């Protein structure tokens, strides 16, 4: 027991002696160490706070861009609302709505009628009630279209103007050689006025096949015979129903020119 006590006391004395020989840390050195430790800790705290702030700001910006991309119309409405809020007194008058354009329906202009032409007569024949077999003065028919008033074609002379007790008429048949369109016939008469004549036209050289299409009464000089509408015919008949008087007291008609107009 005594030995153990001695050993313990000896160890305590050695430890105390050893501690007595360790030089003490100055006070100023301890303060500087504490200051450096505090500064280091503060720097670490600031670094942690800065990193956290950067992450927060970065995450917030990313979320805002994602929201804007997902809702562009909302942004537009927000922008417009902001603009309206800044200047509420400004109003824009509604623009007038343009009336729909109307297109006039296309119209087709009527085809213009070509001017009439003088048609060539193929042949001329004296014509009576029975046709070309009993016409007046057939040997002189060419003079009816020659244009010489001093040498016309003339009918026979008759005792009455209306062929009393005689055939109902006499005239000239003009053959066009083919079907043509006739719009008018101009007849030049020689002698005294007072003739009544008809313009008859058709496709058969018979009195029944040549219906009346125009006429004139008490005529003299140049007579214009015009159908009410153009006729498409081959034969044209100038048919006298009344004859003008002559100086000899008889009745007779004379023709020196016939001009037929239309389209060939």
C-alpha atoms as a PDB file:
ATOM      1  CA  UNK A   1       0.000   0.000   0.000  1.00  0.00           C
ATOM      2  CA  UNK A   2       2.751   2.374   0.945  1.00  0.00           C
ATOM      3  CA  UNK A   3       4.645   1.522  -2.244  1.00  0.00           C
ATOM      4  CA  UNK A   4       1.622   2.216  -4.391  1.00  0.00           C
ATOM      5  CA  UNK A   5       1.072   5.542  -2.675  1.00  0.00           C
ATOM      6  CA  UNK A   6       4.661   6.463  -3.245  1.00  0.00           C
ATOM      7  CA  UNK A   7       4.437   5.627  -6.948  1.00  0.00           C
ATOM      8  CA  UNK A   8       1.273   7.698  -7.293  1.00  0.00           C
ATOM      9  CA  UNK A   9       2.741  10.643  -5.549  1.00  0.00           C
ATOM     10  CA  UNK A  10       5.866  10.399  -7.609  1.00  0.00           C
ATOM     11  CA  UNK A  11       3.854  10.419 -10.936  1.00  0.00           C
ATOM     12  CA  UNK A  12       1.926  13.439  -9.774  1.00  0.00           C
ATOM     13  CA  UNK A  13       5.093  15.277  -8.931  1.00  0.00           C
ATOM     14  CA  UNK A  14       6.614  14.426 -12.319  1.00  0.00           C
ATOM     15  CA  UNK A  15       3.554  15.641 -14.164  1.00  0.00           C
ATOM     16  CA  UNK A  16       3.576  18.852 -12.228  1.00  0.00           C
ATOM     17  CA  UNK A  17       7.249  19.327 -12.905  1.00  0.00           C
ATOM     18  CA  UNK A  18       6.752  18.710 -16.589  1.00  0.00           C
ATOM     19  CA  UNK A  19       3.909  21.170 -16.750  1.00  0.00           C
ATOM     20  CA  UNK A  20       6.027  23.675 -14.942  1.00  0.00           C
ATOM     21  CA  UNK A  21       8.602  23.537 -17.682  1.00  0.00           C
ATOM     22  CA  UNK A  22       5.989  24.024 -20.647  1.00  0.00           C
ATOM     23  CA  UNK A  23       5.988  27.670 -21.525  1.00  0.00           C
ATOM     24  CA  UNK A  24       2.545  29.302 -21.299  1.00  0.00           C
ATOM     25  CA  UNK A  25       0.794  30.576 -24.484  1.00  0.00           C
ATOM     26  CA  UNK A  26       0.741  34.335 -24.527  1.00  0.00           C
ATOM     27  CA  UNK A  27      -2.698  36.028 -24.307  1.00  0.00           C
ATOM     28  CA  UNK A  28      -2.321  38.043 -27.520  1.00  0.00           C
ATOM     29  CA  UNK A  29      -1.547  34.911 -29.517  1.00  0.00           C
ATOM     30  CA  UNK A  30      -4.732  33.301 -28.253  1.00  0.00           C
ATOM     31  CA  UNK A  31      -6.789  36.328 -29.280  1.00  0.00           C
ATOM     32  CA  UNK A  32      -5.301  36.351 -32.760  1.00  0.00           C
ATOM     33  CA  UNK A  33      -6.117  32.672 -33.167  1.00  0.00           C
ATOM     34  CA  UNK A  34      -9.692  33.278 -32.055  1.00  0.00           C
ATOM     35  CA  UNK A  35     -10.011  36.192 -34.547  1.00  0.00           C
ATOM     36  CA  UNK A  36      -8.683  34.093 -37.418  1.00  0.00           C
ATOM     37  CA  UNK A  37     -11.032  31.268 -36.520  1.00  0.00           C
ATOM     38  CA  UNK A  38     -13.982  33.682 -36.380  1.00  0.00           C
ATOM     39  CA  UNK A  39     -13.039  35.201 -39.765  1.00  0.00           C
ATOM     40  CA  UNK A  40     -12.706  31.764 -41.312  1.00  0.00           C
ATOM     41  CA  UNK A  41     -16.095  30.771 -39.939  1.00  0.00           C
ATOM     42  CA  UNK A  42     -17.650  33.977 -41.251  1.00  0.00           C
ATOM     43  CA  UNK A  43     -16.209  33.370 -44.705  1.00  0.00           C
ATOM     44  CA  UNK A  44     -17.597  29.854 -44.689  1.00  0.00           C
ATOM     45  CA  UNK A  45     -21.025  31.159 -43.676  1.00  0.00           C
ATOM     46  CA  UNK A  46     -20.953  33.818 -46.391  1.00  0.00           C
ATOM     47  CA  UNK A  47     -19.919  31.251 -48.992  1.00  0.00           C
ATOM     48  CA  UNK A  48     -22.739  28.950 -47.985  1.00  0.00           C
ATOM     49  CA  UNK A  49     -25.262  31.816 -48.067  1.00  0.00           C
ATOM     50  CA  UNK A  50     -24.008  33.010 -51.491  1.00  0.00           C
ATOM     51  CA  UNK A  51     -24.264  29.535 -52.962  1.00  0.00           C
ATOM     52  CA  UNK A  52     -27.756  29.126 -51.571  1.00  0.00           C
ATOM     53  CA  UNK A  53     -28.832  32.530 -52.957  1.00  0.00           C
ATOM     54  CA  UNK A  54     -27.452  31.706 -56.426  1.00  0.00           C
ATOM     55  CA  UNK A  55     -29.300  28.398 -56.489  1.00  0.00           C
ATOM     56  CA  UNK A  56     -32.524  30.116 -55.427  1.00  0.00           C
ATOM     57  CA  UNK A  57     -32.257  32.853 -58.054  1.00  0.00           C
ATOM     58  CA  UNK A  58     -31.345  30.377 -60.802  1.00  0.00           C
ATOM     59  CA  UNK A  59     -34.238  28.096 -59.935  1.00  0.00           C
ATOM     60  CA  UNK A  60     -36.676  31.029 -59.786  1.00  0.00           C
ATOM     61  CA  UNK A  61     -35.621  32.343 -63.246  1.00  0.00           C
ATOM     62  CA  UNK A  62     -35.948  28.911 -64.793  1.00  0.00           C
ATOM     63  CA  UNK A  63     -39.417  28.493 -63.353  1.00  0.00           C
ATOM     64  CA  UNK A  64     -40.469  31.950 -64.628  1.00  0.00           C
ATOM     65  CA  UNK A  65     -39.247  31.187 -68.170  1.00  0.00           C
ATOM     66  CA  UNK A  66     -41.052  27.851 -68.159  1.00  0.00           C
ATOM     67  CA  UNK A  67     -44.268  29.538 -67.026  1.00  0.00           C
ATOM     68  CA  UNK A  68     -43.950  32.227 -69.724  1.00  0.00           C
ATOM     69  CA  UNK A  69     -43.386  29.620 -72.428  1.00  0.00           C
ATOM     70  CA  UNK A  70     -46.387  27.629 -71.263  1.00  0.00           C
ATOM     71  CA  UNK A  71     -48.717  30.652 -71.165  1.00  0.00           C
ATOM     72  CA  UNK A  72     -47.824  33.133 -73.976  1.00  0.00           C
ATOM     73  CA  UNK A  73     -51.365  34.431 -74.197  1.00  0.00           C
ATOM     74  CA  UNK A  74     -51.358  35.211 -70.511  1.00  0.00           C
ATOM     75  CA  UNK A  75     -48.223  37.265 -71.012  1.00  0.00           C
ATOM     76  CA  UNK A  76     -49.803  39.114 -73.913  1.00  0.00           C
ATOM     77  CA  UNK A  77     -52.901  39.813 -71.896  1.00  0.00           C
ATOM     78  CA  UNK A  78     -50.765  40.947 -68.959  1.00  0.00           C
ATOM     79  CA  UNK A  79     -48.751  43.246 -71.209  1.00  0.00           C
ATOM     80  CA  UNK A  80     -51.877  44.731 -72.745  1.00  0.00           C
ATOM     81  CA  UNK A  81     -53.428  45.154 -69.319  1.00  0.00           C
ATOM     82  CA  UNK A  82     -50.296  46.895 -68.117  1.00  0.00           C
ATOM     83  CA  UNK A  83     -50.335  49.223 -71.080  1.00  0.00           C
ATOM     84  CA  UNK A  84     -53.974  50.023 -70.544  1.00  0.00           C
ATOM     85  CA  UNK A  85     -53.312  50.667 -66.881  1.00  0.00           C
ATOM     86  CA  UNK A  86     -50.555  53.110 -67.683  1.00  0.00           C
ATOM     87  CA  UNK A  87     -52.725  55.216 -70.039  1.00  0.00           C
ATOM     88  CA  UNK A  88     -56.395  54.574 -69.265  1.00  0.00           C
ATOM     89  CA  UNK A  89     -57.520  57.847 -70.858  1.00  0.00           C
ATOM     90  CA  UNK A  90     -56.374  56.796 -74.350  1.00  0.00           C
ATOM     91  CA  UNK A  91     -59.154  55.255 -76.484  1.00  0.00           C
ATOM     92  CA  UNK A  92     -58.946  53.962 -80.026  1.00  0.00           C
ATOM     93  CA  UNK A  93     -61.910  54.511 -82.345  1.00  0.00           C
ATOM     94  CA  UNK A  94     -63.064  51.272 -83.978  1.00  0.00           C
ATOM     95  CA  UNK A  95     -61.971  51.060 -87.584  1.00  0.00           C
ATOM     96  CA  UNK A  96     -64.859  51.024 -90.048  1.00  0.00           C
ATOM     97  CA  UNK A  97     -65.605  47.645 -91.463  1.00  0.00           C
ATOM     98  CA  UNK A  98     -65.057  47.597 -95.207  1.00  0.00           C
ATOM     99  CA  UNK A  99     -68.100  46.543 -97.158  1.00  0.00           C
ATOM    100  CA  UNK A 100     -67.588  43.272 -99.008  1.00  0.00           C
ATOM    101  CA  UNK A 101     -66.601  43.822-102.591  1.00  0.00           C
ATOM    102  CA  UNK A 102     -69.248  42.903-105.071  1.00  0.00           C
ATOM    103  CA  UNK A 103     -68.481  41.665-108.534  1.00  0.00           C
ATOM    104  CA  UNK A 104     -70.871  42.621-111.281  1.00  0.00           C
ATOM    105  CA  UNK A 105     -72.062  39.578-113.175  1.00  0.00           C
ATOM    106  CA  UNK A 106     -70.296  39.113-116.437  1.00  0.00           C
ATOM    107  CA  UNK A 107     -72.418  40.031-119.391  1.00  0.00           C
ATOM    108  CA  UNK A 108     -71.963  38.929-122.939  1.00  0.00           C
ATOM    109  CA  UNK A 109     -72.251  41.721-125.450  1.00  0.00           C
ATOM    110  CA  UNK A 110     -74.647  40.883-128.234  1.00  0.00           C
ATOM    111  CA  UNK A 111     -72.953  40.034-131.454  1.00  0.00           C
ATOM    112  CA  UNK A 112     -72.975  43.012-133.787  1.00  0.00           C
ATOM    113  CA  UNK A 113     -74.835  42.527-137.037  1.00  0.00           C
ATOM    114  CA  UNK A 114     -72.533  42.981-140.029  1.00  0.00           C
ATOM    115  CA  UNK A 115     -73.585  45.665-142.491  1.00  0.00           C
ATOM    116  CA  UNK A 116     -75.625  44.390-145.462  1.00  0.00           C
ATOM    117  CA  UNK A 117     -73.916  43.740-148.755  1.00  0.00           C
ATOM    118  CA  UNK A 118     -75.158  44.023-152.323  1.00  0.00           C
ATOM    119  CA  UNK A 119     -75.911  40.493-153.469  1.00  0.00           C
ATOM    120  CA  UNK A 120     -75.270  39.222-156.953  1.00  0.00           C
ATOM    121  CA  UNK A 121     -78.276  37.958-158.894  1.00  0.00           C
ATOM    122  CA  UNK A 122     -77.643  34.685-160.710  1.00  0.00           C
ATOM    123  CA  UNK A 123     -80.480  35.013-163.243  1.00  0.00           C
ATOM    124  CA  UNK A 124     -83.688  36.942-164.030  1.00  0.00           C
ATOM    125  CA  UNK A 125     -86.921  35.620-165.561  1.00  0.00           C
ATOM    126  CA  UNK A 126     -90.334  37.037-166.445  1.00  0.00           C
ATOM    127  CA  UNK A 127     -92.944  35.549-164.131  1.00  0.00           C
ATOM    128  CA  UNK A 128     -96.718  35.164-164.502  1.00  0.00           C
ATOM    129  CA  UNK A 129     -99.430  33.405-162.527  1.00  0.00           C
ATOM    130  CA  UNK A 130     -98.293  30.061-163.964  1.00  0.00           C
ATOM    131  CA  UNK A 131     -94.641  30.742-163.282  1.00  0.00           C
ATOM    132  CA  UNK A 132     -91.844  31.449-165.745  1.00  0.00           C
ATOM    133  CA  UNK A 133     -93.819  30.029-168.666  1.00  0.00           C
ATOM    134  CA  UNK A 134     -96.236  32.953-169.058  1.00  0.00           C
ATOM    135  CA  UNK A 135     -94.301  36.053-167.951  1.00  0.00           C
ATOM    136  CA  UNK A 136     -94.373  39.363-169.857  1.00  0.00           C
ATOM    137  CA  UNK A 137     -91.628  40.212-172.359  1.00  0.00           C
ATOM    138  CA  UNK A 138     -89.119  37.530-171.256  1.00  0.00           C
ATOM    139  CA  UNK A 139     -86.655  38.626-173.973  1.00  0.00           C
ATOM    140  CA  UNK A 140     -86.030  41.960-172.220  1.00  0.00           C
ATOM    141  CA  UNK A 141     -85.558  40.788-168.600  1.00  0.00           C
ATOM    142  CA  UNK A 142     -81.825  41.599-168.557  1.00  0.00           C
ATOM    143  CA  UNK A 143     -82.708  45.289-168.917  1.00  0.00           C
ATOM    144  CA  UNK A 144     -84.439  45.157-165.524  1.00  0.00           C
ATOM    145  CA  UNK A 145     -81.057  45.000-163.798  1.00  0.00           C
ATOM    146  CA  UNK A 146     -78.951  46.951-166.326  1.00  0.00           C
ATOM    147  CA  UNK A 147     -79.519  50.359-164.694  1.00  0.00           C
ATOM    148  CA  UNK A 148     -80.530  52.293-167.811  1.00  0.00           C
ATOM    149  CA  UNK A 149     -83.750  54.252-167.237  1.00  0.00           C
ATOM    150  CA  UNK A 150     -84.059  54.829-170.984  1.00  0.00           C
ATOM    151  CA  UNK A 151     -84.126  51.089-171.713  1.00  0.00           C
ATOM    152  CA  UNK A 152     -86.086  49.360-168.927  1.00  0.00           C
ATOM    153  CA  UNK A 153     -87.896  46.034-168.871  1.00  0.00           C
ATOM    154  CA  UNK A 154     -91.656  46.616-169.173  1.00  0.00           C
ATOM    155  CA  UNK A 155     -94.747  44.547-168.603  1.00  0.00           C
ATOM    156  CA  UNK A 156     -97.345  44.129-171.316  1.00  0.00           C
ATOM    157  CA  UNK A 157     -99.878  46.959-171.479  1.00  0.00           C
ATOM    158  CA  UNK A 158    -103.306  46.362-169.933  1.00  0.00           C
ATOM    159  CA  UNK A 159    -106.658  48.109-170.238  1.00  0.00           C
ATOM    160  CA  UNK A 160    -107.117  48.412-166.425  1.00  0.00           C
ATOM    161  CA  UNK A 161    -104.650  48.918-163.622  1.00  0.00           C
ATOM    162  CA  UNK A 162    -105.820  45.842-161.682  1.00  0.00           C
ATOM    163  CA  UNK A 163    -105.757  43.349-164.567  1.00  0.00           C
ATOM    164  CA  UNK A 164    -109.560  43.193-164.903  1.00  0.00           C
ATOM    165  CA  UNK A 165    -110.580  39.990-166.644  1.00  0.00           C
ATOM    166  CA  UNK A 166    -106.863  39.133-166.826  1.00  0.00           C
ATOM    167  CA  UNK A 167    -104.284  37.241-164.725  1.00  0.00           C
ATOM    168  CA  UNK A 168    -104.052  38.618-161.125  1.00  0.00           C
ATOM    169  CA  UNK A 169    -100.544  40.001-161.613  1.00  0.00           C
ATOM    170  CA  UNK A 170     -97.232  39.887-163.378  1.00  0.00           C
ATOM    171  CA  UNK A 171     -93.623  40.414-162.408  1.00  0.00           C
ATOM    172  CA  UNK A 172     -89.927  39.449-162.370  1.00  0.00           C
ATOM    173  CA  UNK A 173     -88.320  36.421-160.694  1.00  0.00           C
ATOM    174  CA  UNK A 174     -84.722  36.840-159.508  1.00  0.00           C
ATOM    175  CA  UNK A 175     -82.763  33.657-158.775  1.00  0.00           C
ATOM    176  CA  UNK A 176     -79.873  34.148-156.308  1.00  0.00           C
ATOM    177  CA  UNK A 177     -78.363  30.784-157.197  1.00  0.00           C
ATOM    178  CA  UNK A 178     -78.321  29.635-153.557  1.00  0.00           C
ATOM    179  CA  UNK A 179     -79.969  30.438-150.260  1.00  0.00           C
ATOM    180  CA  UNK A 180     -79.013  33.893-149.024  1.00  0.00           C
ATOM    181  CA  UNK A 181     -80.171  36.305-146.328  1.00  0.00           C
ATOM    182  CA  UNK A 182     -82.178  39.187-147.773  1.00  0.00           C
ATOM    183  CA  UNK A 183     -82.661  42.344-145.729  1.00  0.00           C
ATOM    184  CA  UNK A 184     -83.948  44.757-148.404  1.00  0.00           C
ATOM    185  CA  UNK A 185     -84.702  45.138-152.129  1.00  0.00           C
ATOM    186  CA  UNK A 186     -84.508  48.473-153.939  1.00  0.00           C
ATOM    187  CA  UNK A 187     -86.517  48.725-157.156  1.00  0.00           C
ATOM    188  CA  UNK A 188     -86.131  51.637-159.606  1.00  0.00           C
ATOM    189  CA  UNK A 189     -89.279  52.275-161.629  1.00  0.00           C
ATOM    190  CA  UNK A 190     -89.527  54.193-164.890  1.00  0.00           C
ATOM    191  CA  UNK A 191     -92.645  56.003-166.079  1.00  0.00           C
ATOM    192  CA  UNK A 192     -95.547  57.394-164.103  1.00  0.00           C
ATOM    193  CA  UNK A 193     -96.181  56.661-160.393  1.00  0.00           C
ATOM    194  CA  UNK A 194     -99.185  54.644-159.233  1.00  0.00           C
ATOM    195  CA  UNK A 195     -97.896  51.059-159.111  1.00  0.00           C
ATOM    196  CA  UNK A 196     -98.764  48.620-156.373  1.00  0.00           C
ATOM    197  CA  UNK A 197     -96.185  45.865-155.923  1.00  0.00           C
ATOM    198  CA  UNK A 198     -95.262  43.123-153.541  1.00  0.00           C
ATOM    199  CA  UNK A 199     -91.943  41.631-152.504  1.00  0.00           C
ATOM    200  CA  UNK A 200     -92.324  37.882-152.311  1.00  0.00           C
ATOM    201  CA  UNK A 201     -89.533  35.500-151.375  1.00  0.00           C
ATOM    202  CA  UNK A 202     -89.043  31.800-150.802  1.00  0.00           C
ATOM    203  CA  UNK A 203     -87.219  28.642-151.828  1.00  0.00           C
ATOM    204  CA  UNK A 204     -89.552  27.429-154.563  1.00  0.00           C
ATOM    205  CA  UNK A 205     -90.098  29.258-157.884  1.00  0.00           C
ATOM    206  CA  UNK A 206     -93.919  29.138-157.658  1.00  0.00           C
ATOM    207  CA  UNK A 207     -96.405  31.797-156.646  1.00  0.00           C
ATOM    208  CA  UNK A 208     -97.588  29.674-153.723  1.00  0.00           C
ATOM    209  CA  UNK A 209     -93.997  28.979-152.685  1.00  0.00           C
ATOM    210  CA  UNK A 210     -93.099  32.661-152.576  1.00  0.00           C
ATOM    211  CA  UNK A 211     -94.977  34.335-149.680  1.00  0.00           C
ATOM    212  CA  UNK A 212     -95.343  38.108-149.438  1.00  0.00           C
ATOM    213  CA  UNK A 213     -92.718  39.715-147.131  1.00  0.00           C
ATOM    214  CA  UNK A 214     -93.100  43.441-148.024  1.00  0.00           C
ATOM    215  CA  UNK A 215     -95.054  45.759-150.322  1.00  0.00           C
ATOM    216  CA  UNK A 216     -95.758  49.305-151.544  1.00  0.00           C
ATOM    217  CA  UNK A 217     -98.734  51.128-153.006  1.00  0.00           C
ATOM    218  CA  UNK A 218     -99.036  54.060-155.433  1.00  0.00           C
ATOM    219  CA  UNK A 219     -95.304  53.803-155.920  1.00  0.00           C
ATOM    220  CA  UNK A 220     -93.039  55.575-158.382  1.00  0.00           C
ATOM    221  CA  UNK A 221     -89.361  56.250-158.781  1.00  0.00           C
ATOM    222  CA  UNK A 222     -87.138  54.246-156.410  1.00  0.00           C
ATOM    223  CA  UNK A 223     -89.004  51.980-154.008  1.00  0.00           C
ATOM    224  CA  UNK A 224     -87.381  50.417-150.931  1.00  0.00           C
ATOM    225  CA  UNK A 225     -88.949  47.093-149.975  1.00  0.00           C
ATOM    226  CA  UNK A 226     -87.812  45.855-146.570  1.00  0.00           C
ATOM    227  CA  UNK A 227     -89.032  42.672-144.832  1.00  0.00           C
ATOM    228  CA  UNK A 228     -89.893  42.984-141.148  1.00  0.00           C
ATOM    229  CA  UNK A 229     -87.045  40.547-140.483  1.00  0.00           C
ATOM    230  CA  UNK A 230     -84.259  39.153-142.674  1.00  0.00           C
ATOM    231  CA  UNK A 231     -85.407  36.217-144.802  1.00  0.00           C
ATOM    232  CA  UNK A 232     -83.315  33.247-145.849  1.00  0.00           C
ATOM    233  CA  UNK A 233     -84.376  32.478-149.404  1.00  0.00           C
ATOM    234  CA  UNK A 234     -83.145  31.631-152.883  1.00  0.00           C
ATOM    235  CA  UNK A 235     -85.845  33.303-154.998  1.00  0.00           C
ATOM    236  CA  UNK A 236     -87.029  36.917-154.931  1.00  0.00           C
ATOM    237  CA  UNK A 237     -90.187  37.918-156.832  1.00  0.00           C
ATOM    238  CA  UNK A 238     -91.209  41.494-157.673  1.00  0.00           C
ATOM    239  CA  UNK A 239     -94.924  41.104-158.210  1.00  0.00           C
ATOM    240  CA  UNK A 240     -97.215  43.873-159.590  1.00  0.00           C
ATOM    241  CA  UNK A 241    -100.862  43.865-158.472  1.00  0.00           C
ATOM    242  CA  UNK A 242    -101.684  47.352-159.900  1.00  0.00           C
ATOM    243  CA  UNK A 243    -100.087  49.049-162.876  1.00  0.00           C
ATOM    244  CA  UNK A 244     -99.409  52.791-163.311  1.00  0.00           C
ATOM    245  CA  UNK A 245    -100.985  54.695-166.236  1.00  0.00           C
ATOM    246  CA  UNK A 246     -99.170  55.522-169.471  1.00  0.00           C
ATOM    247  CA  UNK A 247     -99.566  58.602-171.747  1.00  0.00           C
ATOM    248  CA  UNK A 248    -101.419  56.351-174.234  1.00  0.00           C
ATOM    249  CA  UNK A 249    -104.206  55.680-171.747  1.00  0.00           C
ATOM    250  CA  UNK A 250    -103.140  52.119-170.957  1.00  0.00           C
ATOM    251  CA  UNK A 251    -101.493  50.670-167.895  1.00  0.00           C
ATOM    252  CA  UNK A 252     -97.950  49.338-167.805  1.00  0.00           C
ATOM    253  CA  UNK A 253     -95.009  49.045-165.314  1.00  0.00           C
ATOM    254  CA  UNK A 254     -91.309  49.395-166.136  1.00  0.00           C
ATOM    255  CA  UNK A 255     -88.166  48.461-164.117  1.00  0.00           C
ATOM    256  CA  UNK A 256     -84.586  49.424-164.936  1.00  0.00           C
ATOM    257  CA  UNK A 257     -82.705  48.562-161.765  1.00  0.00           C
ATOM    258  CA  UNK A 258     -83.044  46.031-158.910  1.00  0.00           C
ATOM    259  CA  UNK A 259     -80.572  45.980-155.994  1.00  0.00           C
ATOM    260  CA  UNK A 260     -80.817  43.212-153.405  1.00  0.00           C
ATOM    261  CA  UNK A 261     -79.007  43.627-150.094  1.00  0.00           C
ATOM    262  CA  UNK A 262     -78.274  41.185-147.312  1.00  0.00           C
ATOM    263  CA  UNK A 263     -75.698  38.542-146.443  1.00  0.00           C
ATOM    264  CA  UNK A 264     -74.444  35.913-148.893  1.00  0.00           C
END
